[in-house]
Amino acid sequence: MARDYAQSGEFHLSCSLDYDTLLLKAAEQVPIPEDAIVALEGSIAEGFGNRTSDIDFVVLDRSGREFQTIPTVLFLAGRRVEVRYRSVQTMQAQLAKVATAARAGGHKLARLDEEVLDRCQRFLRSIPIRNGDELTKLKAQMPFGDLCAAVADWFAYQTWATLSVLFAMKALSRNAEAASWAKSALTVAAKSWLASKGETYLAKKWISQQLHRAGATDALTQMFQTLESPEKTGLSDQRYVEAALQFIARLGFDLDRVKEETIILKKAPGVTTWQIGSRVHLISQRTDVYALSAEAGYVWRHLAFERPLLETVHATRAEIEDAAGILAGFHQYGLVKLRQQGRSEIRLRRACVPAPSSGGSAVVGIEGLSFGSREKTSIKLAPISARRFAAAGMELVYVNMIVENAREDALGALQDEQWQVFERSVRRMLRFACRAALSAAGINPLPPVEEVLLRALELPLLPAETKSRIVELDRSIDVRDQSEAEHLLKRVDGVNLEIRNATSSALFPSSFLSGPDWRDTLEIGYDWARLGGYLDAAFPLDQARDLIAAGGHRQDHGVRALAAKSPRRVTARL
């Protein structure tokens, strides 16, 4: 029955809300043309969801106008309702783009933007609310079977990219990083397998429900759920990697395609070497200056580009015990590149920067440049560039919003006793709280999500006690009943508060609980987004740019007049 549901593309509602009535209430505050195609999408439409899940409506307009990517957020009947506007032409173009990439395969599909694929997946799995016949005609542009194949292949490419980083970390003896990348590889490999069975939802938080619905055996499901939480296995990092790889091979991936010996060291463009006295300095992109210790300088002078990475490791290890760790740092900061032999560059482990020297205090707070409690100066110069300052500030607001969103997911999972979803949500809270700490330290771009916890533990601004609690929590996310879940959430909330206190972010609002809280969040986000737009800084997501264009509060499609009447209820999402 579960497999029939997934493969047929038929849908049912996961709770008893009256969606027609909810849409009418939404139409009292935002314009919804009578001839528009309206559908329910997202986790509720997929048959997952719980009592705190968003109610996501997509409104397809026939006028040919283009709309911003941000949805309008309303709080109705005790639920958060998102109304996303799209033109029929945009939806058709995106479906065509996915279909073309799927037919081409290879790099074209691998590099398909996740947002575009997600929009198409959500649309193709949506439930008609208004003008359903027209919705069915639009969906026929990409049959469900083609969607399954496209999502399965896309996640397969993600799996190979993740495995490349995993084996690079193994070559550099970075066992903790390798274990974290193994967990990611495990998840995307499972998502590829699920899509081949008809479970195409891209988000990962419902993966346990998807496994059940796709007809996975109890043994397979139990093995995945155990390996997905490395702390439950009791294995060392190295043994965990081996177990994860065995599971991935069981899903049909030929691991002979990737090995440590096939990782090639490559020169990074825009990085130059400058000797000043006895110290080696590197200038990256003419903007960032790195000073190397004597040991790092020795390793740098002995790099063998376009040769196997292991050659440099073996050649320098005799003189420098931590040569592999130094090489890992070079790659982490984008000072060297890695590629697989006969294949393209390893891009998934995107480059980040180390924390700028700041005397152990936060650089960026939610209200701007942070002043430590013991600082007596009245004028302070930021230790990072203006553009990086703005980018880090926008990221700080964004990741704190994600913490609040993950907490809402955790509360819904707790109420419905969805323990795997709960564990995944609190782990997401912890990871994004660590991203907030990195952003507050002025680090931008951030390291990949697989390494944020490890990098946060290196920050001087976090107290040692907080770091110990982060490590303890990360190893003890294991919930079997409501009492354990409530206790774990309380502990994660406590650590998140400690991180916010240490990063001048303690006043961040509970973004998703009410209209006023959401409005306060937007006010903070808009202040940062205006600065980011002025400096042409890196935005954490495209919706932030739309927030500037929308004046910080609302979508520019006729909602302005309504917003003037009800500024607390008609808002746009950052």
Protein backbone atom coordinates (compact mmCIF):
# COMPACT_ATOMS: atom_id res chain seq x y z
CA MET A 1 0.00 0.00 0.00
CA ALA A 2 2.77 2.43 0.96
CA ARG A 3 4.76 1.61 -2.16
CA ASP A 4 1.67 1.97 -4.37
CA TYR A 5 1.18 5.46 -2.96
CA ALA A 6 4.75 6.50 -3.67
CA GLN A 7 4.89 5.09 -7.18
CA SER A 8 1.48 6.26 -8.37
CA GLY A 9 1.89 9.88 -7.44
CA GLU A 10 -1.52 9.89 -5.73
CA PHE A 11 -1.85 11.93 -2.58
CA HIS A 12 -3.74 12.20 0.67
CA LEU A 13 -3.84 14.90 3.34
CA SER A 14 -1.93 14.16 6.50
CA CYS A 15 -4.21 16.07 8.87
CA SER A 16 -7.80 17.20 9.11
CA LEU A 17 -7.47 20.92 8.35
CA ASP A 18 -10.00 22.45 5.94
CA TYR A 19 -7.63 23.77 3.29
CA ASP A 20 -10.36 25.44 1.22
CA THR A 21 -11.42 27.50 4.23
CA LEU A 22 -7.80 28.28 5.05
CA LEU A 23 -7.27 29.51 1.49
CA LEU A 24 -10.34 31.77 1.77
CA LYS A 25 -8.94 33.25 4.98
CA ALA A 26 -5.62 33.84 3.24
CA ALA A 27 -7.43 35.51 0.32
CA GLU A 28 -8.80 38.10 2.76
CA GLN A 29 -5.24 39.37 3.22
CA VAL A 30 -3.40 38.63 -0.02
CA PRO A 31 -4.69 38.79 -3.61
CA ILE A 32 -5.53 35.38 -5.12
CA PRO A 33 -7.07 35.78 -8.61
CA GLU A 34 -10.15 33.64 -9.28
CA ASP A 35 -8.63 32.15 -12.43
CA ALA A 36 -5.34 31.26 -10.72
CA ILE A 37 -4.28 27.65 -10.30
CA VAL A 38 -3.89 26.99 -6.56
CA ALA A 39 -2.34 23.89 -5.03
CA LEU A 40 -1.17 22.64 -1.65
CA GLU A 41 2.47 21.55 -1.67
CA GLY A 42 5.27 20.54 0.67
CA SER A 43 5.37 18.03 3.52
CA ILE A 44 1.61 18.16 4.17
CA ALA A 45 0.85 17.35 0.52
CA GLU A 46 3.45 14.56 0.61
CA GLY A 47 1.57 12.86 3.45
CA PHE A 48 4.19 13.60 6.11
CA GLY A 49 3.93 16.74 8.21
CA ASN A 50 2.75 17.23 11.75
CA ARG A 51 0.89 19.80 13.83
CA THR A 52 3.58 22.47 13.44
CA SER A 53 4.31 21.98 9.73
CA ASP A 54 3.80 24.97 7.41
CA ILE A 55 0.71 25.06 5.23
CA ASP A 56 2.23 25.78 1.81
CA PHE A 57 0.03 27.13 -0.98
CA VAL A 58 1.39 27.81 -4.47
CA VAL A 59 -0.58 30.26 -6.61
CA LEU A 60 0.08 30.03 -10.36
CA ASP A 61 -0.82 33.31 -12.04
CA ARG A 62 -1.81 33.41 -15.73
CA SER A 63 -0.96 37.06 -16.37
CA GLY A 64 2.65 36.40 -17.36
CA ARG A 65 4.03 38.60 -14.58
CA GLU A 66 7.17 37.59 -12.77
CA PHE A 67 7.16 37.24 -9.00
CA GLN A 68 9.80 37.32 -6.28
CA THR A 69 10.99 34.03 -4.82
CA ILE A 70 9.93 34.87 -1.27
CA PRO A 71 6.49 33.67 -0.17
CA THR A 72 4.05 35.72 1.85
CA VAL A 73 3.79 34.44 5.42
CA LEU A 74 0.52 34.56 7.36
CA PHE A 75 -0.49 33.24 10.77
CA LEU A 76 -3.99 31.77 10.45
CA ALA A 77 -5.98 29.44 12.71
CA GLY A 78 -2.92 28.81 14.86
CA ARG A 79 -0.78 27.74 11.88
CA ARG A 80 1.87 29.42 9.78
CA VAL A 81 0.66 29.66 6.19
CA GLU A 82 2.97 30.42 3.27
CA VAL A 83 1.55 31.65 -0.03
CA ARG A 84 4.05 31.46 -2.86
CA TYR A 85 3.30 33.19 -6.16
CA ARG A 86 4.57 31.84 -9.47
CA SER A 87 3.65 32.56 -13.06
CA VAL A 88 2.48 29.66 -15.20
CA GLN A 89 5.26 30.54 -17.66
CA THR A 90 7.96 30.34 -14.97
CA MET A 91 6.70 26.96 -13.82
CA GLN A 92 6.67 25.66 -17.39
CA ALA A 93 10.21 26.95 -17.97
CA GLN A 94 11.52 25.29 -14.82
CA LEU A 95 9.86 21.98 -15.66
CA ALA A 96 11.44 22.16 -19.12
CA LYS A 97 14.84 22.94 -17.58
CA VAL A 98 14.67 19.88 -15.30
CA ALA A 99 13.41 17.65 -18.11
CA THR A 100 16.24 18.83 -20.42
CA ALA A 101 18.88 18.28 -17.75
CA ALA A 102 17.46 14.83 -16.97
CA ARG A 103 17.66 13.82 -20.64
CA ALA A 104 21.22 15.15 -20.97
CA GLY A 105 22.42 13.52 -17.74
CA GLY A 106 26.06 13.85 -16.74
CA HIS A 107 27.32 17.21 -15.51
CA LYS A 108 24.21 19.05 -16.75
CA LEU A 109 22.00 17.15 -14.30
CA ALA A 110 24.65 17.10 -11.56
CA ARG A 111 24.87 20.89 -11.63
CA LEU A 112 21.13 21.46 -11.81
CA ASP A 113 20.22 24.04 -9.17
CA GLU A 114 18.67 22.34 -6.15
CA GLU A 115 16.11 25.13 -5.74
CA VAL A 116 14.81 24.60 -9.30
CA LEU A 117 14.61 20.83 -8.83
CA ASP A 118 12.89 21.28 -5.48
CA ARG A 119 10.34 23.74 -6.90
CA CYS A 120 9.47 21.27 -9.68
CA GLN A 121 9.29 18.30 -7.31
CA ARG A 122 6.98 20.15 -4.92
CA PHE A 123 4.79 21.28 -7.80
CA LEU A 124 4.53 17.83 -9.40
CA ARG A 125 3.55 16.30 -6.04
CA SER A 126 1.09 19.05 -5.10
CA ILE A 127 -2.62 18.64 -4.37
CA PRO A 128 -5.11 20.70 -6.41
CA ILE A 129 -7.17 23.21 -4.46
CA ARG A 130 -8.48 25.40 -7.28
CA ASN A 131 -8.61 24.82 -11.08
CA GLY A 132 -7.33 21.27 -10.73
CA ASP A 133 -7.83 20.36 -14.42
CA GLU A 134 -5.33 23.04 -15.46
CA LEU A 135 -2.92 21.83 -12.79
CA THR A 136 -3.09 18.30 -14.22
CA LYS A 137 -2.30 19.60 -17.72
CA LEU A 138 0.76 21.46 -16.43
CA LYS A 139 2.00 18.40 -14.55
CA ALA A 140 1.80 16.33 -17.74
CA GLN A 141 4.81 18.29 -19.02
CA MET A 142 6.99 16.01 -16.85
CA PRO A 143 5.60 12.53 -16.08
CA PHE A 144 6.09 11.21 -12.55
CA GLY A 145 8.41 8.44 -13.70
CA ASP A 146 10.74 10.99 -15.30
CA LEU A 147 10.79 12.96 -12.05
CA CYS A 148 11.76 9.82 -10.10
CA ALA A 149 14.65 9.11 -12.48
CA ALA A 150 15.86 12.73 -12.40
CA VAL A 151 15.84 12.96 -8.59
CA ALA A 152 17.47 9.53 -8.21
CA ASP A 153 20.28 10.47 -10.63
CA TRP A 154 20.71 13.92 -9.05
CA PHE A 155 21.16 12.39 -5.60
CA ALA A 156 23.48 9.76 -7.08
CA TYR A 157 25.74 12.55 -8.37
CA GLN A 158 25.58 14.15 -4.92
CA THR A 159 26.65 10.81 -3.45
CA TRP A 160 29.70 10.52 -5.72
CA ALA A 161 30.70 14.13 -4.98
CA THR A 162 30.42 13.50 -1.24
CA LEU A 163 32.38 10.26 -1.48
CA SER A 164 35.18 12.14 -3.25
CA VAL A 165 35.54 14.45 -0.26
CA LEU A 166 35.32 11.51 2.12
CA PHE A 167 38.24 9.73 0.46
CA ALA A 168 40.22 12.97 0.31
CA MET A 169 39.78 13.30 4.08
CA LYS A 170 40.86 9.68 4.50
CA ALA A 171 44.00 10.41 2.47
CA LEU A 172 44.72 13.34 4.81
CA SER A 173 44.09 11.20 7.94
CA ARG A 174 41.22 13.51 8.98
CA ASN A 175 39.11 10.79 10.54
CA ALA A 176 36.55 13.07 12.23
CA GLU A 177 35.91 14.98 8.99
CA ALA A 178 35.76 11.70 7.03
CA ALA A 179 33.12 10.36 9.43
CA SER A 180 31.02 13.49 9.02
CA TRP A 181 31.22 13.27 5.23
CA ALA A 182 30.39 9.55 5.44
CA LYS A 183 27.15 10.41 7.25
CA SER A 184 26.23 12.84 4.46
CA ALA A 185 27.12 10.28 1.79
CA LEU A 186 24.96 7.73 3.57
CA THR A 187 21.97 10.10 3.53
CA VAL A 188 22.18 11.21 -0.11
CA ALA A 189 22.77 7.61 -1.24
CA ALA A 190 19.60 6.60 0.62
CA LYS A 191 17.72 9.51 -0.99
CA SER A 192 18.85 8.31 -4.43
CA TRP A 193 17.61 4.80 -3.64
CA LEU A 194 14.31 6.19 -2.33
CA ALA A 195 13.74 8.29 -5.45
CA SER A 196 14.18 5.19 -7.58
CA LYS A 197 11.31 3.70 -5.53
CA GLY A 198 9.06 6.72 -6.08
CA GLU A 199 9.93 8.80 -2.99
CA THR A 200 11.13 12.05 -4.56
CA TYR A 201 10.78 14.62 -1.73
CA LEU A 202 14.15 16.41 -1.58
CA ALA A 203 14.22 17.52 2.07
CA LYS A 204 15.86 14.97 4.36
CA LYS A 205 13.94 15.36 7.62
CA TRP A 206 11.21 12.85 6.65
CA ILE A 207 13.59 10.16 5.42
CA SER A 208 12.53 7.62 8.06
CA GLN A 209 8.89 7.90 6.91
CA GLN A 210 10.01 7.62 3.30
CA LEU A 211 11.91 4.40 3.99
CA HIS A 212 8.82 2.88 5.58
CA ARG A 213 6.56 3.99 2.74
CA ALA A 214 8.97 2.79 0.04
CA GLY A 215 8.86 -0.72 1.47
CA ALA A 216 12.42 -0.89 2.80
CA THR A 217 13.07 -3.99 4.88
CA ASP A 218 13.17 -3.62 8.65
CA ALA A 219 16.85 -4.61 8.62
CA LEU A 220 17.72 -1.97 6.02
CA THR A 221 15.74 0.73 7.84
CA GLN A 222 17.28 -0.16 11.20
CA MET A 223 20.78 -0.17 9.74
CA PHE A 224 20.24 3.26 8.19
CA GLN A 225 18.74 4.78 11.35
CA THR A 226 21.65 3.48 13.41
CA LEU A 227 24.32 4.68 10.99
CA GLU A 228 22.58 8.03 10.48
CA SER A 229 23.37 8.77 14.13
CA PRO A 230 27.07 7.85 14.47
CA GLU A 231 26.93 8.27 18.24
CA LYS A 232 24.54 5.28 18.43
CA THR A 233 26.99 2.91 16.79
CA GLY A 234 29.71 3.15 19.44
CA LEU A 235 32.26 2.91 16.62
CA SER A 236 35.43 4.91 16.22
CA ASP A 237 35.44 7.43 13.37
CA GLN A 238 37.50 5.11 11.19
CA ARG A 239 35.26 2.08 11.84
CA TYR A 240 32.15 4.20 11.30
CA VAL A 241 33.41 5.24 7.87
CA GLU A 242 33.92 1.60 6.95
CA ALA A 243 30.38 0.68 8.10
CA ALA A 244 28.83 3.60 6.20
CA LEU A 245 30.68 2.64 3.02
CA GLN A 246 29.44 -0.94 3.32
CA PHE A 247 25.86 0.34 3.55
CA ILE A 248 26.32 2.64 0.55
CA ALA A 249 27.71 -0.29 -1.47
CA ARG A 250 24.63 -2.29 -0.44
CA LEU A 251 22.47 0.40 -2.07
CA GLY A 252 24.18 -0.30 -5.40
CA PHE A 253 27.13 2.13 -5.51
CA ASP A 254 30.38 0.70 -6.91
CA LEU A 255 32.99 2.11 -4.53
CA ASP A 256 35.89 0.99 -6.70
CA ARG A 257 35.31 4.28 -8.57
CA VAL A 258 36.77 6.29 -5.65
CA LYS A 259 39.94 5.61 -3.67
CA GLU A 260 42.45 7.65 -1.65
CA GLU A 261 45.13 6.89 -4.25
CA THR A 262 43.13 8.63 -6.99
CA ILE A 263 43.04 12.06 -5.27
CA ILE A 264 45.29 14.52 -7.15
CA LEU A 265 46.76 17.72 -5.68
CA LYS A 266 46.03 20.76 -7.84
CA LYS A 267 47.21 24.37 -7.80
CA ALA A 268 44.60 26.95 -6.78
CA PRO A 269 44.33 30.00 -9.05
CA GLY A 270 44.97 33.41 -7.55
CA VAL A 271 47.23 32.18 -4.72
CA THR A 272 50.78 33.62 -4.67
CA THR A 273 53.74 32.95 -2.35
CA TRP A 274 55.70 35.75 -0.65
CA GLN A 275 58.71 35.28 1.59
CA ILE A 276 59.17 38.07 4.15
CA GLY A 277 62.24 37.36 6.27
CA SER A 278 61.94 33.74 7.41
CA ARG A 279 58.13 33.72 7.18
CA VAL A 280 56.19 32.38 4.19
CA HIS A 281 53.04 34.39 3.39
CA LEU A 282 50.30 33.50 0.90
CA ILE A 283 48.13 36.12 -0.81
CA SER A 284 44.78 34.74 -1.98
CA GLN A 285 42.81 36.63 -4.64
CA ARG A 286 44.73 39.82 -3.73
CA THR A 287 42.49 40.23 -0.66
CA ASP A 288 43.42 37.73 2.06
CA VAL A 289 46.88 37.36 3.62
CA TYR A 290 47.89 34.10 5.31
CA ALA A 291 51.08 33.74 7.37
CA LEU A 292 52.48 30.20 7.61
CA SER A 293 54.29 28.66 10.55
CA ALA A 294 57.73 27.19 9.90
CA GLU A 295 56.17 23.71 9.61
CA ALA A 296 53.41 24.86 7.25
CA GLY A 297 55.97 26.77 5.19
CA TYR A 298 58.04 23.60 4.79
CA VAL A 299 54.99 21.62 3.58
CA TRP A 300 53.99 24.43 1.22
CA ARG A 301 57.47 24.51 -0.36
CA HIS A 302 57.29 20.75 -1.00
CA LEU A 303 53.85 20.54 -2.66
CA ALA A 304 53.81 18.34 -5.75
CA PHE A 305 51.00 19.64 -7.97
CA GLU A 306 49.28 17.36 -10.47
CA ARG A 307 50.58 14.37 -8.54
CA PRO A 308 48.69 12.07 -6.16
CA LEU A 309 47.99 13.81 -2.85
CA LEU A 310 49.46 10.87 -0.94
CA GLU A 311 52.87 11.55 -2.54
CA THR A 312 53.10 14.93 -0.84
CA VAL A 313 51.81 13.46 2.44
CA HIS A 314 54.47 10.72 2.42
CA ALA A 315 57.26 13.04 1.24
CA THR A 316 56.72 15.61 4.01
CA ARG A 317 55.60 13.40 6.89
CA ALA A 318 59.20 12.38 7.70
CA GLU A 319 60.07 16.01 8.55
CA ILE A 320 56.65 17.33 9.64
CA GLU A 321 54.58 14.95 11.77
CA ASP A 322 51.27 16.75 11.05
CA ALA A 323 51.91 17.26 7.33
CA ALA A 324 48.54 15.72 6.43
CA GLY A 325 46.72 18.05 8.83
CA ILE A 326 48.51 21.09 7.38
CA LEU A 327 47.57 19.97 3.87
CA ALA A 328 43.95 19.60 5.02
CA GLY A 329 44.11 23.21 6.23
CA PHE A 330 45.47 24.40 2.88
CA HIS A 331 42.50 22.76 1.17
CA GLN A 332 40.03 23.97 3.77
CA TYR A 333 41.00 27.59 3.10
CA GLY A 334 41.07 27.21 -0.69
CA LEU A 335 44.86 27.57 -0.99
CA VAL A 336 45.12 24.31 -2.94
CA LYS A 337 42.59 22.30 -4.93
CA LEU A 338 41.92 18.57 -5.17
CA ARG A 339 40.52 16.48 -7.98
CA GLN A 340 39.89 12.85 -8.71
CA GLN A 341 42.18 11.24 -11.24
CA GLY A 342 40.51 11.36 -14.65
CA ARG A 343 37.65 13.42 -13.25
CA SER A 344 36.82 16.97 -12.30
CA GLU A 345 37.73 19.05 -9.27
CA ILE A 346 36.37 18.13 -5.85
CA ARG A 347 34.09 21.12 -5.24
CA LEU A 348 31.73 20.02 -2.49
CA ARG A 349 34.16 20.90 0.31
CA ARG A 350 33.93 24.58 -0.50
CA ALA A 351 36.65 26.89 0.78
CA CYS A 352 36.14 28.92 3.93
CA VAL A 353 38.39 31.26 5.91
CA PRO A 354 39.84 30.99 9.41
CA ALA A 355 38.44 33.15 12.19
CA PRO A 356 40.06 36.62 12.13
CA SER A 357 42.03 37.57 15.21
CA SER A 358 39.66 39.37 17.57
CA GLY A 359 40.97 38.83 21.07
CA GLY A 360 38.66 35.87 21.63
CA SER A 361 35.39 37.84 21.41
CA ALA A 362 32.65 37.86 18.80
CA VAL A 363 33.22 40.06 15.76
CA VAL A 364 29.62 40.20 14.50
CA GLY A 365 26.42 40.40 16.57
CA ILE A 366 22.81 40.66 15.40
CA GLU A 367 23.07 44.42 15.91
CA GLY A 368 26.36 44.81 14.06
CA LEU A 369 29.99 45.06 15.12
CA SER A 370 30.19 43.49 18.57
CA PHE A 371 31.72 45.20 21.60
CA GLY A 372 32.98 42.89 24.36
CA SER A 373 31.80 43.56 27.92
CA ARG A 374 35.35 44.50 28.99
CA GLU A 375 36.14 46.76 26.05
CA LYS A 376 36.57 50.42 26.99
CA THR A 377 37.09 51.86 23.51
CA SER A 378 34.46 54.14 22.01
CA ILE A 379 35.54 53.62 18.38
CA LYS A 380 36.33 50.17 17.03
CA LEU A 381 37.65 48.97 13.67
CA ALA A 382 36.32 45.65 12.36
CA PRO A 383 39.11 43.08 11.82
CA ILE A 384 37.42 41.96 8.58
CA SER A 385 36.46 43.75 5.35
CA ALA A 386 33.14 45.60 5.08
CA ARG A 387 31.84 43.12 2.49
CA ARG A 388 32.72 40.11 4.66
CA PHE A 389 31.24 41.89 7.69
CA ALA A 390 27.90 42.32 5.89
CA ALA A 391 27.92 38.76 4.55
CA ALA A 392 28.66 37.33 8.01
CA GLY A 393 25.90 39.44 9.56
CA MET A 394 23.29 38.31 7.03
CA GLU A 395 24.40 34.71 7.56
CA LEU A 396 24.13 35.16 11.34
CA VAL A 397 20.50 36.24 11.05
CA TYR A 398 19.70 33.50 8.55
CA VAL A 399 21.19 30.62 10.55
CA ASN A 400 19.50 31.80 13.74
CA MET A 401 16.22 31.68 11.81
CA ILE A 402 17.02 28.10 10.79
CA VAL A 403 17.63 27.23 14.45
CA GLU A 404 14.16 28.56 15.27
CA ASN A 405 12.67 26.69 12.32
CA ALA A 406 14.35 23.43 13.37
CA ARG A 407 13.06 23.93 16.91
CA GLU A 408 9.53 24.26 15.55
CA ASP A 409 10.05 21.01 13.62
CA ALA A 410 11.29 19.37 16.81
CA LEU A 411 8.20 20.47 18.75
CA GLY A 412 5.89 19.08 16.06
CA ALA A 413 7.79 15.79 15.98
CA LEU A 414 7.68 15.59 19.79
CA GLN A 415 3.89 16.08 19.82
CA ASP A 416 3.41 13.35 17.20
CA GLU A 417 6.10 11.06 18.69
CA GLN A 418 8.13 11.02 15.46
CA TRP A 419 11.41 10.25 17.18
CA GLN A 420 13.65 9.98 14.11
CA VAL A 421 12.33 13.32 12.84
CA PHE A 422 12.85 14.78 16.32
CA GLU A 423 16.47 13.60 16.46
CA ARG A 424 17.15 15.01 13.01
CA SER A 425 15.59 18.36 14.01
CA VAL A 426 17.56 18.83 17.24
CA ARG A 427 20.76 17.81 15.46
CA ARG A 428 19.96 20.50 12.89
CA MET A 429 19.45 23.00 15.73
CA LEU A 430 22.88 22.17 17.10
CA ARG A 431 24.62 22.35 13.72
CA PHE A 432 23.09 25.71 12.83
CA ALA A 433 23.81 27.13 16.28
CA CYS A 434 27.45 26.27 15.53
CA ARG A 435 27.13 28.03 12.16
CA ALA A 436 25.86 31.07 14.04
CA ALA A 437 28.99 31.00 16.23
CA LEU A 438 31.22 30.83 13.15
CA SER A 439 29.37 33.74 11.54
CA ALA A 440 29.68 35.78 14.75
CA ALA A 441 33.43 35.16 14.62
CA GLY A 442 33.48 36.86 11.21
CA ILE A 443 33.97 33.66 9.19
CA ASN A 444 32.48 33.94 5.71
CA PRO A 445 32.21 31.91 3.56
CA LEU A 446 31.35 29.21 6.09
CA PRO A 447 32.76 25.68 5.98
CA PRO A 448 30.47 22.94 4.63
CA VAL A 449 27.77 21.73 6.99
CA GLU A 450 29.64 18.46 7.54
CA GLU A 451 32.45 20.35 9.29
CA VAL A 452 30.74 23.25 11.09
CA LEU A 453 30.69 21.55 14.48
CA LEU A 454 34.38 20.66 14.28
CA ARG A 455 35.28 24.21 13.25
CA ALA A 456 33.09 25.75 15.98
CA LEU A 457 35.04 23.80 18.60
CA GLU A 458 38.15 25.70 17.46
CA LEU A 459 36.66 29.14 18.19
CA PRO A 460 38.22 31.13 21.06
CA LEU A 461 34.97 33.02 21.61
CA LEU A 462 33.07 29.93 22.84
CA PRO A 463 33.69 29.00 26.51
CA ALA A 464 35.33 25.62 27.10
CA GLU A 465 32.25 24.46 29.02
CA THR A 466 30.02 25.25 26.05
CA LYS A 467 32.30 23.33 23.70
CA SER A 468 32.20 20.32 26.03
CA ARG A 469 28.40 20.42 26.09
CA ILE A 470 28.28 20.66 22.26
CA VAL A 471 30.42 17.52 21.96
CA GLU A 472 28.39 15.70 24.63
CA LEU A 473 25.10 16.61 22.95
CA ASP A 474 26.28 15.60 19.51
CA ARG A 475 27.15 12.15 20.90
CA SER A 476 23.93 11.65 22.89
CA ILE A 477 21.09 12.38 20.46
CA ASP A 478 19.12 9.19 21.05
CA VAL A 479 15.41 9.44 21.87
CA ARG A 480 12.90 6.69 22.63
CA ASP A 481 10.07 8.45 24.47
CA GLN A 482 8.59 11.85 25.29
CA SER A 483 10.48 12.28 28.55
CA GLU A 484 13.85 11.75 26.84
CA ALA A 485 12.85 14.07 24.00
CA GLU A 486 11.79 16.90 26.34
CA HIS A 487 15.02 16.55 28.32
CA LEU A 488 17.16 16.57 25.15
CA LEU A 489 15.37 19.63 23.73
CA LYS A 490 15.91 21.47 27.01
CA ARG A 491 19.65 20.69 26.84
CA VAL A 492 19.91 21.82 23.21
CA ASP A 493 18.00 25.01 24.06
CA GLY A 494 20.49 25.62 26.87
CA VAL A 495 23.52 25.23 24.60
CA ASN A 496 21.92 27.42 21.94
CA LEU A 497 21.37 30.13 24.58
CA GLU A 498 25.00 29.83 25.69
CA ILE A 499 26.14 30.28 22.08
CA ARG A 500 23.86 33.27 21.61
CA ASN A 501 25.10 34.85 24.82
CA ALA A 502 28.69 34.40 23.62
CA THR A 503 27.89 35.88 20.19
CA SER A 504 25.82 38.96 21.07
CA SER A 505 22.65 37.29 19.73
CA ALA A 506 20.69 36.60 22.92
CA LEU A 507 17.86 38.93 21.85
CA PHE A 508 17.07 37.04 18.64
CA PRO A 509 13.27 36.56 18.44
CA SER A 510 11.39 33.24 18.26
CA SER A 511 10.82 33.81 14.55
CA PHE A 512 8.01 31.37 13.76
CA LEU A 513 5.71 31.45 16.78
CA SER A 514 3.66 34.55 15.96
CA GLY A 515 3.21 37.48 13.61
CA PRO A 516 5.01 39.98 15.91
CA ASP A 517 7.98 37.62 16.34
CA TRP A 518 8.17 37.18 12.57
CA ARG A 519 7.99 40.93 12.04
CA ASP A 520 10.83 41.49 14.54
CA THR A 521 12.94 38.89 12.71
CA LEU A 522 12.31 40.63 9.39
CA GLU A 523 13.31 44.01 10.81
CA ILE A 524 16.69 42.58 11.86
CA GLY A 525 17.13 40.79 8.54
CA TYR A 526 16.20 43.83 6.49
CA ASP A 527 18.75 46.04 8.26
CA TRP A 528 21.49 43.56 7.33
CA ALA A 529 20.13 42.94 3.82
CA ARG A 530 20.22 46.65 2.97
CA LEU A 531 23.88 46.82 4.01
CA GLY A 532 24.64 43.63 2.08
CA GLY A 533 22.97 45.02 -1.03
CA TYR A 534 24.93 48.27 -0.79
CA LEU A 535 28.25 46.41 -0.47
CA ASP A 536 27.33 43.70 -3.00
CA ALA A 537 28.08 41.11 -0.33
CA ALA A 538 27.34 37.39 -0.61
CA PHE A 539 23.72 36.74 0.39
CA PRO A 540 22.89 33.52 2.26
CA LEU A 541 19.94 32.92 -0.09
CA ASP A 542 18.31 34.63 -3.06
CA GLN A 543 15.20 35.54 -1.05
CA ALA A 544 17.27 38.09 0.89
CA ARG A 545 17.78 40.07 -2.32
CA ASP A 546 14.03 39.99 -2.91
CA LEU A 547 13.54 41.30 0.60
CA ILE A 548 15.38 44.49 -0.39
CA ALA A 549 13.37 44.84 -3.59
CA ALA A 550 10.16 44.32 -1.61
CA GLY A 551 10.94 47.11 0.82
CA GLY A 552 11.73 44.67 3.60
CA HIS A 553 8.20 43.63 4.43
CA ARG A 554 6.04 42.47 1.56
CA GLN A 555 5.90 41.22 -1.96
CA ASP A 556 5.58 43.75 -4.76
CA HIS A 557 2.52 42.26 -6.43
CA GLY A 558 -0.36 44.29 -5.08
CA VAL A 559 0.07 43.37 -1.41
CA ARG A 560 1.36 46.79 -0.42
CA ALA A 561 -2.09 48.28 0.16
CA LEU A 562 -3.14 45.31 2.25
CA ALA A 563 0.09 45.47 4.22
CA ALA A 564 -0.62 49.10 5.09
CA LYS A 565 -3.85 47.94 6.72
CA SER A 566 -2.32 44.94 8.49
CA PRO A 567 1.48 45.27 8.78
CA ARG A 568 1.74 42.51 11.38
CA ARG A 569 0.06 39.86 9.24
CA VAL A 570 1.33 40.40 5.70
CA THR A 571 5.07 39.83 5.65
CA ALA A 572 7.69 38.31 3.41
CA ARG A 573 10.16 35.60 4.26
CA LEU A 574 13.89 36.32 4.46
